[in-house]
Amino acid sequence: MEDIAAWAAPIATMLAACVTAANLGARVTGWGFVIFTIGSVSWSAYAMATDQPNLLWQNVFLTVVNLVGVWRWLGRQARFDDGAQAAAEKSERKDGPTLFPVSMLTAASVEGRGGEAIGTSVDAMARCEDGRISYLVVSAGGVGGVGERLHALPWSKVSARPSGVTADIDAGELERLAPIEPTNWPTAAPPAARS
């Protein structure tokens, strides 16, 4: 038992850290917390087998925290995501405006006019006066955030639908847009990209 826990605990903890850090949505994050729970239970078993009360109490506490994470991401947030997606899908079949979950703008793949992926949406800026979106911030290039470029894409060049975001530009046009600093975004929509 001690040998199994000695291997399971660090493996589960490292795997859970990778899954959670990837930030791939509510369900993936929730499963990261499930794996964290397996890790903290394994650490607790190892602590009991090796008579380490400090390690035991630390991991009993972490097990409780991890279970809250499972509830938060696989329970609560997953239900909200399902509700938003259901409303978006229903709106496509009914008369009236088609809706999309605004939370999608923080992680959706952005397709260019030819259907190719040109970047990932990071966030959007909206006007306080009327709630209209001014521009979408798109990340392009780099790996895991290292070497990425951020561009502010005028909302007039973007269309959103329940299944994703499309831009009326291609990868080359996105590349030619002036990059923005991660800590200094513009206060107004930039001029539209030239086609």
C-alpha atoms as a PDB file:
ATOM      1  CA  MET A   1       0.000   0.000   0.000  1.00  0.00           C
ATOM      2  CA  GLU A   2       2.776   2.402   0.912  1.00  0.00           C
ATOM      3  CA  ASP A   3       4.570   1.797  -2.411  1.00  0.00           C
ATOM      4  CA  ILE A   4       1.389   2.329  -4.445  1.00  0.00           C
ATOM      5  CA  ALA A   5       0.563   5.568  -2.598  1.00  0.00           C
ATOM      6  CA  ALA A   6       4.185   6.721  -2.917  1.00  0.00           C
ATOM      7  CA  TRP A   7       3.873   6.540  -6.714  1.00  0.00           C
ATOM      8  CA  ALA A   8       0.193   7.430  -7.182  1.00  0.00           C
ATOM      9  CA  ALA A   9       0.366  10.613  -5.103  1.00  0.00           C
ATOM     10  CA  PRO A  10       3.043  12.528  -7.045  1.00  0.00           C
ATOM     11  CA  ILE A  11       1.868  11.236 -10.438  1.00  0.00           C
ATOM     12  CA  ALA A  12      -1.741  12.283  -9.775  1.00  0.00           C
ATOM     13  CA  THR A  13      -0.643  15.650  -8.389  1.00  0.00           C
ATOM     14  CA  MET A  14       1.555  16.449 -11.398  1.00  0.00           C
ATOM     15  CA  LEU A  15      -1.060  15.293 -13.914  1.00  0.00           C
ATOM     16  CA  ALA A  16      -3.783  17.288 -12.155  1.00  0.00           C
ATOM     17  CA  ALA A  17      -1.618  20.408 -12.143  1.00  0.00           C
ATOM     18  CA  CYS A  18      -1.090  20.089 -15.917  1.00  0.00           C
ATOM     19  CA  VAL A  19      -4.788  19.487 -16.631  1.00  0.00           C
ATOM     20  CA  THR A  20      -5.913  22.374 -14.439  1.00  0.00           C
ATOM     21  CA  ALA A  21      -3.254  24.796 -15.710  1.00  0.00           C
ATOM     22  CA  ALA A  22      -4.281  24.106 -19.312  1.00  0.00           C
ATOM     23  CA  ASN A  23      -7.569  25.930 -18.588  1.00  0.00           C
ATOM     24  CA  LEU A  24      -9.474  24.074 -21.304  1.00  0.00           C
ATOM     25  CA  GLY A  25     -12.944  24.748 -19.949  1.00  0.00           C
ATOM     26  CA  ALA A  26     -15.114  23.892 -16.978  1.00  0.00           C
ATOM     27  CA  ARG A  27     -15.269  20.148 -17.523  1.00  0.00           C
ATOM     28  CA  VAL A  28     -11.544  19.661 -18.104  1.00  0.00           C
ATOM     29  CA  THR A  29     -10.746  21.811 -15.069  1.00  0.00           C
ATOM     30  CA  GLY A  30     -13.267  19.796 -13.055  1.00  0.00           C
ATOM     31  CA  TRP A  31     -11.561  16.550 -14.039  1.00  0.00           C
ATOM     32  CA  GLY A  32      -8.273  18.146 -13.002  1.00  0.00           C
ATOM     33  CA  PHE A  33      -9.769  18.540  -9.534  1.00  0.00           C
ATOM     34  CA  VAL A  34     -10.910  14.901  -9.591  1.00  0.00           C
ATOM     35  CA  ILE A  35      -7.298  13.906 -10.265  1.00  0.00           C
ATOM     36  CA  PHE A  36      -6.103  16.318  -7.545  1.00  0.00           C
ATOM     37  CA  THR A  37      -8.503  14.540  -5.165  1.00  0.00           C
ATOM     38  CA  ILE A  38      -6.978  11.173  -6.078  1.00  0.00           C
ATOM     39  CA  GLY A  39      -3.561  12.695  -5.404  1.00  0.00           C
ATOM     40  CA  SER A  40      -4.485  14.167  -2.024  1.00  0.00           C
ATOM     41  CA  VAL A  41      -6.125  10.909  -0.925  1.00  0.00           C
ATOM     42  CA  SER A  42      -2.987   9.020  -2.022  1.00  0.00           C
ATOM     43  CA  TRP A  43      -0.784  11.488  -0.121  1.00  0.00           C
ATOM     44  CA  SER A  44      -3.008  10.970   2.922  1.00  0.00           C
ATOM     45  CA  ALA A  45      -2.589   7.179   2.656  1.00  0.00           C
ATOM     46  CA  TYR A  46       1.172   7.599   2.304  1.00  0.00           C
ATOM     47  CA  ALA A  47       1.251   9.932   5.313  1.00  0.00           C
ATOM     48  CA  MET A  48      -0.646   7.397   7.431  1.00  0.00           C
ATOM     49  CA  ALA A  49       1.603   4.529   6.297  1.00  0.00           C
ATOM     50  CA  THR A  50       4.773   6.494   7.103  1.00  0.00           C
ATOM     51  CA  ASP A  51       3.471   8.179  10.280  1.00  0.00           C
ATOM     52  CA  GLN A  52       3.671  11.773   8.989  1.00  0.00           C
ATOM     53  CA  PRO A  53       0.812  13.671  10.692  1.00  0.00           C
ATOM     54  CA  ASN A  54       1.676  17.044   9.119  1.00  0.00           C
ATOM     55  CA  LEU A  55       1.481  15.570   5.621  1.00  0.00           C
ATOM     56  CA  LEU A  56      -1.747  13.805   6.572  1.00  0.00           C
ATOM     57  CA  TRP A  57      -3.522  16.926   7.866  1.00  0.00           C
ATOM     58  CA  GLN A  58      -2.319  18.993   4.922  1.00  0.00           C
ATOM     59  CA  ASN A  59      -3.804  16.489   2.473  1.00  0.00           C
ATOM     60  CA  VAL A  60      -7.027  16.011   4.407  1.00  0.00           C
ATOM     61  CA  PHE A  61      -7.498  19.771   4.035  1.00  0.00           C
ATOM     62  CA  LEU A  62      -6.510  19.642   0.336  1.00  0.00           C
ATOM     63  CA  THR A  63      -8.987  16.813  -0.261  1.00  0.00           C
ATOM     64  CA  VAL A  64     -11.782  19.071   1.000  1.00  0.00           C
ATOM     65  CA  VAL A  65     -10.547  21.936  -1.208  1.00  0.00           C
ATOM     66  CA  ASN A  66     -10.310  19.593  -4.206  1.00  0.00           C
ATOM     67  CA  LEU A  67     -13.851  18.315  -3.658  1.00  0.00           C
ATOM     68  CA  VAL A  68     -15.064  21.931  -3.664  1.00  0.00           C
ATOM     69  CA  GLY A  69     -13.207  22.328  -6.983  1.00  0.00           C
ATOM     70  CA  VAL A  70     -14.956  19.248  -8.399  1.00  0.00           C
ATOM     71  CA  TRP A  71     -18.338  20.670  -7.368  1.00  0.00           C
ATOM     72  CA  ARG A  72     -17.464  24.152  -8.656  1.00  0.00           C
ATOM     73  CA  TRP A  73     -16.301  23.046 -12.115  1.00  0.00           C
ATOM     74  CA  LEU A  74     -18.100  19.751 -12.846  1.00  0.00           C
ATOM     75  CA  GLY A  75     -21.277  20.747 -11.039  1.00  0.00           C
ATOM     76  CA  ARG A  76     -21.985  24.436 -10.856  1.00  0.00           C
ATOM     77  CA  GLN A  77     -20.016  25.863 -13.811  1.00  0.00           C
ATOM     78  CA  ALA A  78     -20.790  22.929 -16.109  1.00  0.00           C
ATOM     79  CA  ARG A  79     -24.532  23.500 -15.498  1.00  0.00           C
ATOM     80  CA  PHE A  80     -24.151  27.195 -16.352  1.00  0.00           C
ATOM     81  CA  ASP A  81     -22.222  26.331 -19.529  1.00  0.00           C
ATOM     82  CA  ASP A  82     -24.911  23.789 -20.501  1.00  0.00           C
ATOM     83  CA  GLY A  83     -27.643  26.371 -19.922  1.00  0.00           C
ATOM     84  CA  ALA A  84     -25.880  28.985 -22.028  1.00  0.00           C
ATOM     85  CA  GLN A  85     -25.238  26.503 -24.840  1.00  0.00           C
ATOM     86  CA  ALA A  86     -28.845  25.280 -24.782  1.00  0.00           C
ATOM     87  CA  ALA A  87     -30.147  28.861 -25.058  1.00  0.00           C
ATOM     88  CA  ALA A  88     -27.777  29.520 -27.957  1.00  0.00           C
ATOM     89  CA  GLU A  89     -28.870  26.386 -29.813  1.00  0.00           C
ATOM     90  CA  LYS A  90     -32.580  27.105 -29.234  1.00  0.00           C
ATOM     91  CA  SER A  91     -32.123  30.674 -30.478  1.00  0.00           C
ATOM     92  CA  GLU A  92     -30.854  29.351 -33.810  1.00  0.00           C
ATOM     93  CA  ARG A  93     -34.161  27.524 -34.373  1.00  0.00           C
ATOM     94  CA  LYS A  94     -36.501  30.354 -33.346  1.00  0.00           C
ATOM     95  CA  ASP A  95     -37.499  33.671 -34.846  1.00  0.00           C
ATOM     96  CA  GLY A  96     -35.534  36.542 -33.393  1.00  0.00           C
ATOM     97  CA  PRO A  97     -31.877  37.154 -32.702  1.00  0.00           C
ATOM     98  CA  THR A  98     -29.418  34.269 -32.527  1.00  0.00           C
ATOM     99  CA  LEU A  99     -27.584  34.245 -29.192  1.00  0.00           C
ATOM    100  CA  PHE A 100     -24.126  33.089 -28.157  1.00  0.00           C
ATOM    101  CA  PRO A 101     -22.549  32.726 -24.708  1.00  0.00           C
ATOM    102  CA  VAL A 102     -20.384  35.790 -24.120  1.00  0.00           C
ATOM    103  CA  SER A 103     -18.036  33.664 -22.004  1.00  0.00           C
ATOM    104  CA  MET A 104     -17.000  32.070 -25.310  1.00  0.00           C
ATOM    105  CA  LEU A 105     -15.077  35.272 -26.091  1.00  0.00           C
ATOM    106  CA  THR A 106     -12.422  34.380 -23.516  1.00  0.00           C
ATOM    107  CA  ALA A 107     -11.220  31.178 -25.173  1.00  0.00           C
ATOM    108  CA  ALA A 108     -12.824  30.503 -28.568  1.00  0.00           C
ATOM    109  CA  SER A 109     -10.850  29.624 -31.643  1.00  0.00           C
ATOM    110  CA  VAL A 110     -11.151  32.430 -34.193  1.00  0.00           C
ATOM    111  CA  GLU A 111     -11.607  31.330 -37.795  1.00  0.00           C
ATOM    112  CA  GLY A 112     -10.594  33.515 -40.725  1.00  0.00           C
ATOM    113  CA  ARG A 113     -12.801  34.165 -43.719  1.00  0.00           C
ATOM    114  CA  GLY A 114     -11.511  30.982 -45.394  1.00  0.00           C
ATOM    115  CA  GLY A 115     -12.391  28.817 -42.388  1.00  0.00           C
ATOM    116  CA  GLU A 116      -8.797  28.500 -41.159  1.00  0.00           C
ATOM    117  CA  ALA A 117      -7.925  29.067 -37.495  1.00  0.00           C
ATOM    118  CA  ILE A 118      -6.158  32.430 -37.218  1.00  0.00           C
ATOM    119  CA  GLY A 119      -5.984  32.785 -33.441  1.00  0.00           C
ATOM    120  CA  THR A 120      -7.766  32.458 -30.123  1.00  0.00           C
ATOM    121  CA  SER A 121     -10.023  35.061 -28.572  1.00  0.00           C
ATOM    122  CA  VAL A 122      -8.708  36.280 -25.240  1.00  0.00           C
ATOM    123  CA  ASP A 123     -11.408  38.753 -24.242  1.00  0.00           C
ATOM    124  CA  ALA A 124     -13.537  41.557 -25.593  1.00  0.00           C
ATOM    125  CA  MET A 125     -14.066  45.170 -24.617  1.00  0.00           C
ATOM    126  CA  ALA A 126     -17.617  46.567 -24.462  1.00  0.00           C
ATOM    127  CA  ARG A 127     -18.947  50.103 -24.203  1.00  0.00           C
ATOM    128  CA  CYS A 128     -20.508  51.002 -20.865  1.00  0.00           C
ATOM    129  CA  GLU A 129     -23.173  53.223 -22.441  1.00  0.00           C
ATOM    130  CA  ASP A 130     -24.945  50.559 -24.489  1.00  0.00           C
ATOM    131  CA  GLY A 131     -23.133  47.273 -23.853  1.00  0.00           C
ATOM    132  CA  ARG A 132     -22.052  46.905 -27.478  1.00  0.00           C
ATOM    133  CA  ILE A 133     -18.766  45.137 -28.036  1.00  0.00           C
ATOM    134  CA  SER A 134     -16.094  47.492 -29.331  1.00  0.00           C
ATOM    135  CA  TYR A 135     -13.341  45.030 -30.166  1.00  0.00           C
ATOM    136  CA  LEU A 136     -12.176  41.459 -29.694  1.00  0.00           C
ATOM    137  CA  VAL A 137      -8.665  40.724 -28.444  1.00  0.00           C
ATOM    138  CA  VAL A 138      -7.154  37.848 -30.423  1.00  0.00           C
ATOM    139  CA  SER A 139      -3.990  35.951 -29.539  1.00  0.00           C
ATOM    140  CA  ALA A 140      -1.895  34.608 -32.408  1.00  0.00           C
ATOM    141  CA  GLY A 141       1.379  32.722 -32.561  1.00  0.00           C
ATOM    142  CA  GLY A 142       3.498  31.477 -29.721  1.00  0.00           C
ATOM    143  CA  VAL A 143       3.194  28.372 -27.604  1.00  0.00           C
ATOM    144  CA  GLY A 144       1.445  28.346 -24.242  1.00  0.00           C
ATOM    145  CA  GLY A 145       1.398  32.149 -24.157  1.00  0.00           C
ATOM    146  CA  VAL A 146       5.124  32.501 -24.832  1.00  0.00           C
ATOM    147  CA  GLY A 147       5.764  34.485 -28.000  1.00  0.00           C
ATOM    148  CA  GLU A 148       2.093  35.204 -28.642  1.00  0.00           C
ATOM    149  CA  ARG A 149       0.949  38.461 -30.191  1.00  0.00           C
ATOM    150  CA  LEU A 150      -2.261  40.187 -29.166  1.00  0.00           C
ATOM    151  CA  HIS A 151      -4.331  42.111 -31.689  1.00  0.00           C
ATOM    152  CA  ALA A 152      -7.461  44.208 -31.187  1.00  0.00           C
ATOM    153  CA  LEU A 153      -9.916  43.234 -33.905  1.00  0.00           C
ATOM    154  CA  PRO A 154     -12.825  45.659 -34.478  1.00  0.00           C
ATOM    155  CA  TRP A 155     -16.132  43.969 -33.706  1.00  0.00           C
ATOM    156  CA  SER A 156     -17.363  45.054 -37.155  1.00  0.00           C
ATOM    157  CA  LYS A 157     -14.963  42.441 -38.563  1.00  0.00           C
ATOM    158  CA  VAL A 158     -16.246  39.677 -36.262  1.00  0.00           C
ATOM    159  CA  SER A 159     -19.302  37.478 -36.298  1.00  0.00           C
ATOM    160  CA  ALA A 160     -20.201  35.214 -33.417  1.00  0.00           C
ATOM    161  CA  ARG A 161     -22.437  32.189 -33.520  1.00  0.00           C
ATOM    162  CA  PRO A 162     -23.141  29.522 -30.934  1.00  0.00           C
ATOM    163  CA  SER A 163     -20.430  27.283 -32.381  1.00  0.00           C
ATOM    164  CA  GLY A 164     -17.632  29.864 -32.489  1.00  0.00           C
ATOM    165  CA  VAL A 165     -16.165  33.119 -33.738  1.00  0.00           C
ATOM    166  CA  THR A 166     -15.402  34.053 -37.336  1.00  0.00           C
ATOM    167  CA  ALA A 167     -13.418  37.074 -38.488  1.00  0.00           C
ATOM    168  CA  ASP A 168     -13.724  38.745 -41.870  1.00  0.00           C
ATOM    169  CA  ILE A 169      -9.940  38.717 -42.294  1.00  0.00           C
ATOM    170  CA  ASP A 170      -7.288  36.093 -42.946  1.00  0.00           C
ATOM    171  CA  ALA A 171      -4.155  35.212 -40.960  1.00  0.00           C
ATOM    172  CA  GLY A 172      -2.000  37.624 -42.986  1.00  0.00           C
ATOM    173  CA  GLU A 173      -4.345  40.530 -42.314  1.00  0.00           C
ATOM    174  CA  LEU A 174      -4.399  39.702 -38.605  1.00  0.00           C
ATOM    175  CA  GLU A 175      -0.592  39.643 -38.630  1.00  0.00           C
ATOM    176  CA  ARG A 176      -0.518  43.131 -40.192  1.00  0.00           C
ATOM    177  CA  LEU A 177      -2.696  44.615 -37.452  1.00  0.00           C
ATOM    178  CA  ALA A 178      -0.627  46.506 -34.912  1.00  0.00           C
ATOM    179  CA  PRO A 179       0.010  44.327 -31.863  1.00  0.00           C
ATOM    180  CA  ILE A 180      -1.240  45.521 -28.495  1.00  0.00           C
ATOM    181  CA  GLU A 181       0.556  45.237 -25.190  1.00  0.00           C
ATOM    182  CA  PRO A 182      -0.892  42.698 -22.749  1.00  0.00           C
ATOM    183  CA  THR A 183      -1.131  45.387 -20.047  1.00  0.00           C
ATOM    184  CA  ASN A 184      -2.092  48.371 -22.236  1.00  0.00           C
ATOM    185  CA  TRP A 185      -5.162  47.730 -24.372  1.00  0.00           C
ATOM    186  CA  PRO A 186      -6.689  50.505 -26.509  1.00  0.00           C
ATOM    187  CA  THR A 187      -9.577  52.590 -25.180  1.00  0.00           C
ATOM    188  CA  ALA A 188     -11.437  52.485 -28.500  1.00  0.00           C
ATOM    189  CA  ALA A 189     -11.851  50.076 -31.373  1.00  0.00           C
ATOM    190  CA  PRO A 190      -8.938  50.207 -33.797  1.00  0.00           C
ATOM    191  CA  PRO A 191      -9.589  51.005 -37.459  1.00  0.00           C
ATOM    192  CA  ALA A 192     -10.925  48.058 -39.449  1.00  0.00           C
ATOM    193  CA  ALA A 193      -8.333  45.830 -41.076  1.00  0.00           C
ATOM    194  CA  ARG A 194      -7.879  46.330 -44.792  1.00  0.00           C
ATOM    195  CA  SER A 195      -9.034  43.466 -46.996  1.00  0.00           C
END
